[in-house]
Amino acid sequence: MKTVDLKIKGMGCSHCEKRVADSLRKIGVLESTVSAKTGSARVTFDPAKISVDMLEKAVSDAGYQVIGVSEA
């Protein structure tokens, strides 16, 4: 398993958090903690099945933009 922190632009409320978390769950993310307050998400996933690019696309599909990725 791998955990990364995503810096996300555009989130402002709990509805935003839910949209991002739901989109990540749809691609098979094992666990995510999304915070509109900090504009970030900590995501745990199986790197054999999911790439960072896939995480970024899931966030984009939810209507937001990943502006940074770092190892957690």
N, C-alpha and C. Protein backbone atom coordinates (compact mmCIF):
# COMPACT_ATOMS: atom_id res chain seq x y z
N MET A 1 0.83 -1.18 0.00
CA MET A 1 0.00 0.00 0.00
C MET A 1 0.88 1.25 0.00
N LYS A 2 0.33 2.30 -0.53
CA LYS A 2 1.04 3.58 -0.61
C LYS A 2 0.10 4.67 -0.15
N THR A 3 0.65 5.68 0.54
CA THR A 3 -0.14 6.82 0.98
C THR A 3 0.50 8.10 0.47
N VAL A 4 -0.33 8.96 -0.12
CA VAL A 4 0.15 10.26 -0.60
C VAL A 4 -0.78 11.35 -0.10
N ASP A 5 -0.25 12.55 -0.05
CA ASP A 5 -1.04 13.74 0.26
C ASP A 5 -1.23 14.52 -1.02
N LEU A 6 -2.49 14.84 -1.32
CA LEU A 6 -2.81 15.64 -2.48
C LEU A 6 -3.21 17.04 -2.03
N LYS A 7 -2.63 18.06 -2.63
CA LYS A 7 -3.06 19.45 -2.41
C LYS A 7 -4.09 19.75 -3.49
N ILE A 8 -5.30 20.14 -3.06
CA ILE A 8 -6.41 20.29 -3.99
C ILE A 8 -6.93 21.72 -3.98
N LYS A 9 -7.09 22.26 -5.18
CA LYS A 9 -7.58 23.63 -5.35
C LYS A 9 -9.08 23.61 -5.64
N GLY A 10 -9.82 24.49 -4.96
CA GLY A 10 -11.22 24.69 -5.29
C GLY A 10 -12.24 24.15 -4.31
N MET A 11 -11.81 23.38 -3.31
CA MET A 11 -12.78 22.86 -2.34
C MET A 11 -13.11 23.93 -1.31
N GLY A 12 -14.40 23.98 -0.91
CA GLY A 12 -14.77 24.99 0.06
C GLY A 12 -15.74 24.55 1.14
N CYS A 13 -16.23 23.31 1.04
CA CYS A 13 -17.25 22.89 2.01
C CYS A 13 -17.28 21.36 2.14
N SER A 14 -18.13 20.87 3.04
CA SER A 14 -18.22 19.43 3.26
C SER A 14 -18.75 18.71 2.02
N HIS A 15 -19.58 19.38 1.24
CA HIS A 15 -20.07 18.77 -0.01
C HIS A 15 -18.90 18.52 -0.97
N CYS A 16 -17.98 19.46 -1.02
CA CYS A 16 -16.77 19.29 -1.85
C CYS A 16 -15.97 18.08 -1.38
N GLU A 17 -15.80 17.96 -0.08
CA GLU A 17 -15.07 16.82 0.48
C GLU A 17 -15.71 15.50 0.05
N LYS A 18 -17.03 15.43 0.14
CA LYS A 18 -17.74 14.21 -0.21
C LYS A 18 -17.59 13.89 -1.69
N ARG A 19 -17.67 14.91 -2.54
CA ARG A 19 -17.51 14.68 -3.98
C ARG A 19 -16.15 14.09 -4.30
N VAL A 20 -15.10 14.64 -3.69
CA VAL A 20 -13.74 14.15 -3.93
C VAL A 20 -13.60 12.72 -3.38
N ALA A 21 -14.05 12.50 -2.15
CA ALA A 21 -13.95 11.17 -1.53
C ALA A 21 -14.71 10.13 -2.35
N ASP A 22 -15.89 10.46 -2.81
CA ASP A 22 -16.69 9.53 -3.62
C ASP A 22 -15.99 9.21 -4.94
N SER A 23 -15.41 10.21 -5.57
CA SER A 23 -14.72 10.01 -6.84
C SER A 23 -13.49 9.11 -6.65
N LEU A 24 -12.76 9.32 -5.55
CA LEU A 24 -11.60 8.48 -5.25
C LEU A 24 -12.03 7.04 -4.96
N ARG A 25 -13.11 6.89 -4.23
CA ARG A 25 -13.62 5.55 -3.89
C ARG A 25 -13.99 4.78 -5.16
N LYS A 26 -14.55 5.48 -6.13
CA LYS A 26 -14.97 4.82 -7.39
C LYS A 26 -13.82 4.17 -8.14
N ILE A 27 -12.60 4.71 -8.00
CA ILE A 27 -11.47 4.11 -8.71
C ILE A 27 -10.74 3.06 -7.86
N GLY A 28 -11.22 2.83 -6.64
CA GLY A 28 -10.66 1.76 -5.83
C GLY A 28 -9.70 2.17 -4.72
N VAL A 29 -9.70 3.46 -4.37
CA VAL A 29 -8.87 3.92 -3.26
C VAL A 29 -9.32 3.22 -1.98
N LEU A 30 -8.37 2.74 -1.19
CA LEU A 30 -8.68 2.01 0.03
C LEU A 30 -9.18 2.91 1.14
N GLU A 31 -8.56 4.10 1.25
CA GLU A 31 -8.93 5.03 2.32
C GLU A 31 -8.56 6.44 1.90
N SER A 32 -9.42 7.40 2.24
CA SER A 32 -9.07 8.80 1.99
C SER A 32 -9.63 9.67 3.10
N THR A 33 -8.87 10.69 3.44
CA THR A 33 -9.31 11.72 4.39
C THR A 33 -9.20 13.04 3.64
N VAL A 34 -10.35 13.64 3.36
CA VAL A 34 -10.41 14.85 2.55
C VAL A 34 -10.81 16.03 3.42
N SER A 35 -10.08 17.14 3.31
CA SER A 35 -10.37 18.32 4.11
C SER A 35 -10.46 19.57 3.23
N ALA A 36 -11.64 20.17 3.20
CA ALA A 36 -11.80 21.43 2.47
C ALA A 36 -11.06 22.54 3.20
N LYS A 37 -11.00 22.46 4.52
CA LYS A 37 -10.35 23.50 5.33
C LYS A 37 -8.87 23.63 4.96
N THR A 38 -8.19 22.49 4.79
CA THR A 38 -6.77 22.53 4.45
C THR A 38 -6.53 22.39 2.94
N GLY A 39 -7.59 22.10 2.19
CA GLY A 39 -7.45 21.93 0.74
C GLY A 39 -6.58 20.73 0.41
N SER A 40 -6.81 19.63 1.13
CA SER A 40 -5.95 18.47 0.92
C SER A 40 -6.71 17.16 1.10
N ALA A 41 -6.06 16.09 0.64
CA ALA A 41 -6.58 14.74 0.85
C ALA A 41 -5.40 13.81 1.09
N ARG A 42 -5.51 12.98 2.10
CA ARG A 42 -4.54 11.92 2.34
C ARG A 42 -5.18 10.65 1.81
N VAL A 43 -4.49 9.99 0.88
CA VAL A 43 -5.08 8.88 0.14
C VAL A 43 -4.19 7.65 0.25
N THR A 44 -4.80 6.51 0.61
CA THR A 44 -4.10 5.23 0.66
C THR A 44 -4.66 4.34 -0.44
N PHE A 45 -3.74 3.78 -1.23
CA PHE A 45 -4.15 2.99 -2.39
C PHE A 45 -3.12 1.91 -2.70
N ASP A 46 -3.50 0.98 -3.57
CA ASP A 46 -2.62 -0.07 -4.02
C ASP A 46 -1.93 0.41 -5.31
N PRO A 47 -0.62 0.68 -5.26
CA PRO A 47 0.06 1.22 -6.44
C PRO A 47 0.13 0.23 -7.60
N ALA A 48 -0.17 -1.04 -7.36
CA ALA A 48 -0.21 -2.02 -8.46
C ALA A 48 -1.49 -1.85 -9.29
N LYS A 49 -2.49 -1.19 -8.71
CA LYS A 49 -3.77 -1.02 -9.38
C LYS A 49 -4.10 0.43 -9.74
N ILE A 50 -3.55 1.37 -8.98
CA ILE A 50 -3.90 2.78 -9.14
C ILE A 50 -2.62 3.62 -9.20
N SER A 51 -2.57 4.54 -10.15
CA SER A 51 -1.42 5.45 -10.27
C SER A 51 -1.80 6.83 -9.72
N VAL A 52 -0.79 7.66 -9.49
CA VAL A 52 -1.03 9.03 -9.05
C VAL A 52 -1.82 9.78 -10.14
N ASP A 53 -1.53 9.50 -11.40
CA ASP A 53 -2.29 10.12 -12.49
C ASP A 53 -3.78 9.79 -12.38
N MET A 54 -4.09 8.55 -12.00
CA MET A 54 -5.50 8.15 -11.83
C MET A 54 -6.14 8.91 -10.67
N LEU A 55 -5.36 9.15 -9.60
CA LEU A 55 -5.88 9.93 -8.46
C LEU A 55 -6.19 11.35 -8.92
N GLU A 56 -5.27 11.94 -9.68
CA GLU A 56 -5.47 13.30 -10.17
C GLU A 56 -6.69 13.39 -11.08
N LYS A 57 -6.89 12.39 -11.93
CA LYS A 57 -8.05 12.38 -12.82
C LYS A 57 -9.34 12.25 -12.02
N ALA A 58 -9.34 11.43 -10.97
CA ALA A 58 -10.54 11.27 -10.14
C ALA A 58 -10.90 12.60 -9.48
N VAL A 59 -9.92 13.33 -8.98
CA VAL A 59 -10.16 14.64 -8.37
C VAL A 59 -10.69 15.61 -9.44
N SER A 60 -10.09 15.58 -10.61
CA SER A 60 -10.54 16.43 -11.72
C SER A 60 -11.97 16.10 -12.12
N ASP A 61 -12.29 14.81 -12.18
CA ASP A 61 -13.65 14.37 -12.53
C ASP A 61 -14.68 14.88 -11.51
N ALA A 62 -14.23 15.09 -10.27
CA ALA A 62 -15.11 15.62 -9.23
C ALA A 62 -15.26 17.14 -9.34
N GLY A 63 -14.43 17.77 -10.19
CA GLY A 63 -14.55 19.20 -10.40
C GLY A 63 -13.49 20.05 -9.73
N TYR A 64 -12.40 19.44 -9.31
CA TYR A 64 -11.34 20.16 -8.59
C TYR A 64 -9.99 19.88 -9.25
N GLN A 65 -8.95 20.53 -8.76
CA GLN A 65 -7.63 20.41 -9.39
C GLN A 65 -6.58 20.05 -8.36
N VAL A 66 -5.79 19.02 -8.66
CA VAL A 66 -4.63 18.68 -7.82
C VAL A 66 -3.50 19.61 -8.20
N ILE A 67 -2.98 20.33 -7.21
CA ILE A 67 -1.89 21.28 -7.49
C ILE A 67 -0.58 20.84 -6.83
N GLY A 68 -0.61 19.68 -6.16
CA GLY A 68 0.60 19.15 -5.55
C GLY A 68 0.38 17.76 -5.02
N VAL A 69 1.45 16.95 -5.10
CA VAL A 69 1.41 15.57 -4.58
C VAL A 69 2.69 15.34 -3.79
N SER A 70 2.55 14.78 -2.59
CA SER A 70 3.74 14.45 -1.80
C SER A 70 3.53 13.13 -1.08
N GLU A 71 4.64 12.46 -0.80
CA GLU A 71 4.59 11.22 -0.03
C GLU A 71 4.15 11.53 1.39
N ALA A 72 3.30 10.69 1.92
CA ALA A 72 2.80 10.91 3.29
C ALA A 72 3.69 10.20 4.30
